[in-house]
Amino acid sequence: MIELLGWAGLVICFVLMLYHRYMHANHDRVYAYIKQKYTEEGSQMAFPSKEDHAGYYRKYSNYTIFFACLLIILSFSR
């Protein structure tokens, strides 16, 4: 059961890490598209900054490393 949770955590954190890395790399284009497509004239939407995405990227990178190490340790303990 713990191995299943480890794999699920690894996959989820890896996907979130990739998402925030993409959003950091393409911040201006993505939010310009979102603003153009989903906002009305005159409305103000608050978007996360580039630094927010960089912080989330580092956080989920660390979680991914943790879950990968957990799975490696579990595979050696058998």
N, C-alpha and C. Protein backbone atom coordinates (compact mmCIF):
# COMPACT_ATOMS: atom_id res chain seq x y z
N MET A 1 0.82 -1.19 0.00
CA MET A 1 0.00 0.00 0.00
C MET A 1 0.87 1.27 0.00
N ILE A 2 1.95 1.24 0.79
CA ILE A 2 2.82 2.41 0.85
C ILE A 2 3.50 2.63 -0.50
N GLU A 3 3.77 1.54 -1.23
CA GLU A 3 4.38 1.69 -2.55
C GLU A 3 3.41 2.34 -3.53
N LEU A 4 2.15 1.97 -3.44
CA LEU A 4 1.14 2.59 -4.30
C LEU A 4 1.02 4.09 -4.00
N LEU A 5 1.04 4.46 -2.73
CA LEU A 5 1.00 5.87 -2.38
C LEU A 5 2.27 6.59 -2.86
N GLY A 6 3.40 5.91 -2.79
CA GLY A 6 4.64 6.49 -3.29
C GLY A 6 4.59 6.75 -4.78
N TRP A 7 4.07 5.78 -5.54
CA TRP A 7 3.96 5.97 -7.00
C TRP A 7 2.97 7.08 -7.34
N ALA A 8 1.84 7.10 -6.63
CA ALA A 8 0.84 8.15 -6.89
C ALA A 8 1.43 9.52 -6.56
N GLY A 9 2.12 9.63 -5.44
CA GLY A 9 2.74 10.89 -5.07
C GLY A 9 3.79 11.32 -6.07
N LEU A 10 4.58 10.37 -6.55
CA LEU A 10 5.61 10.67 -7.53
C LEU A 10 5.00 11.21 -8.82
N VAL A 11 3.99 10.56 -9.31
CA VAL A 11 3.36 10.98 -10.57
C VAL A 11 2.71 12.35 -10.42
N ILE A 12 1.97 12.55 -9.32
CA ILE A 12 1.28 13.82 -9.11
C ILE A 12 2.29 14.96 -8.99
N CYS A 13 3.34 14.76 -8.19
CA CYS A 13 4.33 15.82 -8.01
C CYS A 13 5.11 16.09 -9.29
N PHE A 14 5.38 15.05 -10.07
CA PHE A 14 6.09 15.24 -11.32
C PHE A 14 5.26 16.06 -12.30
N VAL A 15 3.97 15.75 -12.39
CA VAL A 15 3.08 16.50 -13.29
C VAL A 15 2.96 17.96 -12.83
N LEU A 16 2.80 18.18 -11.53
CA LEU A 16 2.71 19.55 -11.03
C LEU A 16 4.02 20.30 -11.24
N MET A 17 5.15 19.61 -11.10
CA MET A 17 6.44 20.24 -11.34
C MET A 17 6.55 20.68 -12.79
N LEU A 18 6.16 19.81 -13.73
CA LEU A 18 6.19 20.17 -15.14
C LEU A 18 5.25 21.33 -15.46
N TYR A 19 4.07 21.31 -14.86
CA TYR A 19 3.09 22.38 -15.08
C TYR A 19 3.66 23.73 -14.65
N HIS A 20 4.21 23.79 -13.44
CA HIS A 20 4.72 25.07 -12.95
C HIS A 20 5.98 25.49 -13.70
N ARG A 21 6.76 24.55 -14.17
CA ARG A 21 7.93 24.90 -14.99
C ARG A 21 7.48 25.50 -16.32
N TYR A 22 6.45 24.91 -16.93
CA TYR A 22 5.91 25.45 -18.18
C TYR A 22 5.33 26.84 -17.96
N MET A 23 4.57 27.01 -16.86
CA MET A 23 3.96 28.31 -16.59
C MET A 23 5.02 29.36 -16.29
N HIS A 24 6.12 28.98 -15.67
CA HIS A 24 7.20 29.93 -15.41
C HIS A 24 7.89 30.32 -16.71
N ALA A 25 8.13 29.33 -17.58
CA ALA A 25 8.86 29.59 -18.82
C ALA A 25 8.03 30.42 -19.81
N ASN A 26 6.72 30.25 -19.81
CA ASN A 26 5.86 30.93 -20.77
C ASN A 26 4.86 31.86 -20.08
N HIS A 27 5.27 32.48 -19.01
CA HIS A 27 4.38 33.26 -18.16
C HIS A 27 3.62 34.34 -18.93
N ASP A 28 4.32 35.15 -19.68
CA ASP A 28 3.68 36.28 -20.36
C ASP A 28 2.69 35.83 -21.43
N ARG A 29 3.09 34.86 -22.23
CA ARG A 29 2.19 34.38 -23.30
C ARG A 29 0.95 33.71 -22.74
N VAL A 30 1.12 32.87 -21.72
CA VAL A 30 -0.02 32.12 -21.17
C VAL A 30 -1.04 33.07 -20.56
N TYR A 31 -0.58 34.00 -19.74
CA TYR A 31 -1.53 34.89 -19.08
C TYR A 31 -2.11 35.93 -20.01
N ALA A 32 -1.40 36.28 -21.06
CA ALA A 32 -2.00 37.17 -22.08
C ALA A 32 -3.13 36.44 -22.80
N TYR A 33 -2.93 35.16 -23.10
CA TYR A 33 -3.98 34.36 -23.74
C TYR A 33 -5.18 34.19 -22.81
N ILE A 34 -4.93 33.88 -21.55
CA ILE A 34 -6.03 33.70 -20.60
C ILE A 34 -6.80 34.99 -20.44
N LYS A 35 -6.09 36.09 -20.32
CA LYS A 35 -6.74 37.39 -20.15
C LYS A 35 -7.58 37.74 -21.37
N GLN A 36 -7.07 37.46 -22.56
CA GLN A 36 -7.79 37.77 -23.80
C GLN A 36 -9.02 36.88 -23.93
N LYS A 37 -8.90 35.62 -23.60
CA LYS A 37 -9.97 34.67 -23.84
C LYS A 37 -11.06 34.69 -22.77
N TYR A 38 -10.69 34.89 -21.51
CA TYR A 38 -11.65 34.66 -20.44
C TYR A 38 -12.04 35.90 -19.64
N THR A 39 -11.50 37.05 -19.93
CA THR A 39 -11.90 38.24 -19.18
C THR A 39 -12.68 39.18 -20.07
N GLU A 40 -13.50 39.95 -19.41
CA GLU A 40 -14.25 40.97 -20.13
C GLU A 40 -13.50 42.29 -20.03
N GLU A 41 -13.86 43.21 -20.86
CA GLU A 41 -13.20 44.52 -20.86
C GLU A 41 -13.39 45.19 -19.50
N GLY A 42 -12.31 45.71 -18.97
CA GLY A 42 -12.38 46.45 -17.72
C GLY A 42 -12.26 45.61 -16.47
N SER A 43 -12.37 44.31 -16.57
CA SER A 43 -12.26 43.48 -15.36
C SER A 43 -10.79 43.20 -15.07
N GLN A 44 -10.48 43.12 -13.81
CA GLN A 44 -9.10 42.88 -13.39
C GLN A 44 -9.02 41.48 -12.77
N MET A 45 -8.12 40.67 -13.28
CA MET A 45 -7.87 39.35 -12.71
C MET A 45 -6.47 39.33 -12.13
N ALA A 46 -6.33 38.68 -11.00
CA ALA A 46 -5.02 38.57 -10.37
C ALA A 46 -4.40 37.23 -10.77
N PHE A 47 -3.23 37.29 -11.36
CA PHE A 47 -2.52 36.08 -11.78
C PHE A 47 -1.29 35.89 -10.92
N PRO A 48 -0.89 34.63 -10.71
CA PRO A 48 0.36 34.39 -9.97
C PRO A 48 1.55 34.96 -10.74
N SER A 49 2.52 35.43 -10.00
CA SER A 49 3.71 36.00 -10.63
C SER A 49 4.65 34.89 -11.10
N LYS A 50 5.64 35.31 -11.85
CA LYS A 50 6.65 34.36 -12.31
C LYS A 50 7.40 33.76 -11.13
N GLU A 51 7.64 34.56 -10.11
CA GLU A 51 8.35 34.08 -8.93
C GLU A 51 7.51 33.05 -8.16
N ASP A 52 6.18 33.23 -8.16
CA ASP A 52 5.31 32.24 -7.52
C ASP A 52 5.46 30.88 -8.20
N HIS A 53 5.44 30.88 -9.54
CA HIS A 53 5.59 29.63 -10.27
C HIS A 53 6.97 29.02 -10.05
N ALA A 54 8.00 29.85 -9.94
CA ALA A 54 9.35 29.34 -9.68
C ALA A 54 9.40 28.68 -8.30
N GLY A 55 8.75 29.28 -7.32
CA GLY A 55 8.70 28.70 -5.98
C GLY A 55 7.97 27.37 -5.96
N TYR A 56 6.83 27.32 -6.66
CA TYR A 56 6.08 26.07 -6.73
C TYR A 56 6.88 25.00 -7.47
N TYR A 57 7.60 25.40 -8.51
CA TYR A 57 8.43 24.46 -9.25
C TYR A 57 9.48 23.83 -8.34
N ARG A 58 10.15 24.67 -7.54
CA ARG A 58 11.16 24.14 -6.61
C ARG A 58 10.53 23.24 -5.56
N LYS A 59 9.35 23.62 -5.05
CA LYS A 59 8.67 22.82 -4.03
C LYS A 59 8.31 21.44 -4.57
N TYR A 60 7.70 21.41 -5.75
CA TYR A 60 7.29 20.12 -6.30
C TYR A 60 8.48 19.31 -6.81
N SER A 61 9.58 19.97 -7.16
CA SER A 61 10.81 19.24 -7.49
C SER A 61 11.32 18.50 -6.26
N ASN A 62 11.29 19.17 -5.12
CA ASN A 62 11.72 18.52 -3.88
C ASN A 62 10.80 17.37 -3.49
N TYR A 63 9.50 17.55 -3.66
CA TYR A 63 8.56 16.46 -3.38
C TYR A 63 8.80 15.28 -4.32
N THR A 64 9.07 15.57 -5.59
CA THR A 64 9.35 14.50 -6.56
C THR A 64 10.59 13.73 -6.15
N ILE A 65 11.63 14.44 -5.74
CA ILE A 65 12.85 13.78 -5.28
C ILE A 65 12.56 12.93 -4.05
N PHE A 66 11.75 13.43 -3.11
CA PHE A 66 11.41 12.67 -1.92
C PHE A 66 10.71 11.37 -2.27
N PHE A 67 9.69 11.44 -3.12
CA PHE A 67 8.94 10.24 -3.48
C PHE A 67 9.80 9.26 -4.28
N ALA A 68 10.68 9.76 -5.13
CA ALA A 68 11.58 8.88 -5.87
C ALA A 68 12.53 8.16 -4.91
N CYS A 69 13.07 8.88 -3.94
CA CYS A 69 13.95 8.25 -2.95
C CYS A 69 13.18 7.23 -2.10
N LEU A 70 11.95 7.56 -1.74
CA LEU A 70 11.12 6.63 -0.98
C LEU A 70 10.92 5.32 -1.75
N LEU A 71 10.63 5.43 -3.04
CA LEU A 71 10.43 4.23 -3.84
C LEU A 71 11.73 3.45 -4.02
N ILE A 72 12.85 4.12 -4.15
CA ILE A 72 14.14 3.43 -4.26
C ILE A 72 14.44 2.68 -2.97
N ILE A 73 14.22 3.32 -1.84
CA ILE A 73 14.45 2.65 -0.55
C ILE A 73 13.53 1.46 -0.38
N LEU A 74 12.27 1.61 -0.76
CA LEU A 74 11.32 0.50 -0.66
C LEU A 74 11.71 -0.65 -1.57
N SER A 75 12.27 -0.37 -2.72
CA SER A 75 12.64 -1.46 -3.64
C SER A 75 13.88 -2.21 -3.12
N PHE A 76 14.76 -1.53 -2.38
CA PHE A 76 15.93 -2.20 -1.81
C PHE A 76 15.60 -2.98 -0.53
N SER A 77 14.50 -2.65 0.12
CA SER A 77 14.17 -3.29 1.37
C SER A 77 13.47 -4.64 1.19
N ARG A 78 13.22 -5.03 -0.01
CA ARG A 78 12.54 -6.33 -0.24
C ARG A 78 13.51 -7.45 -0.23
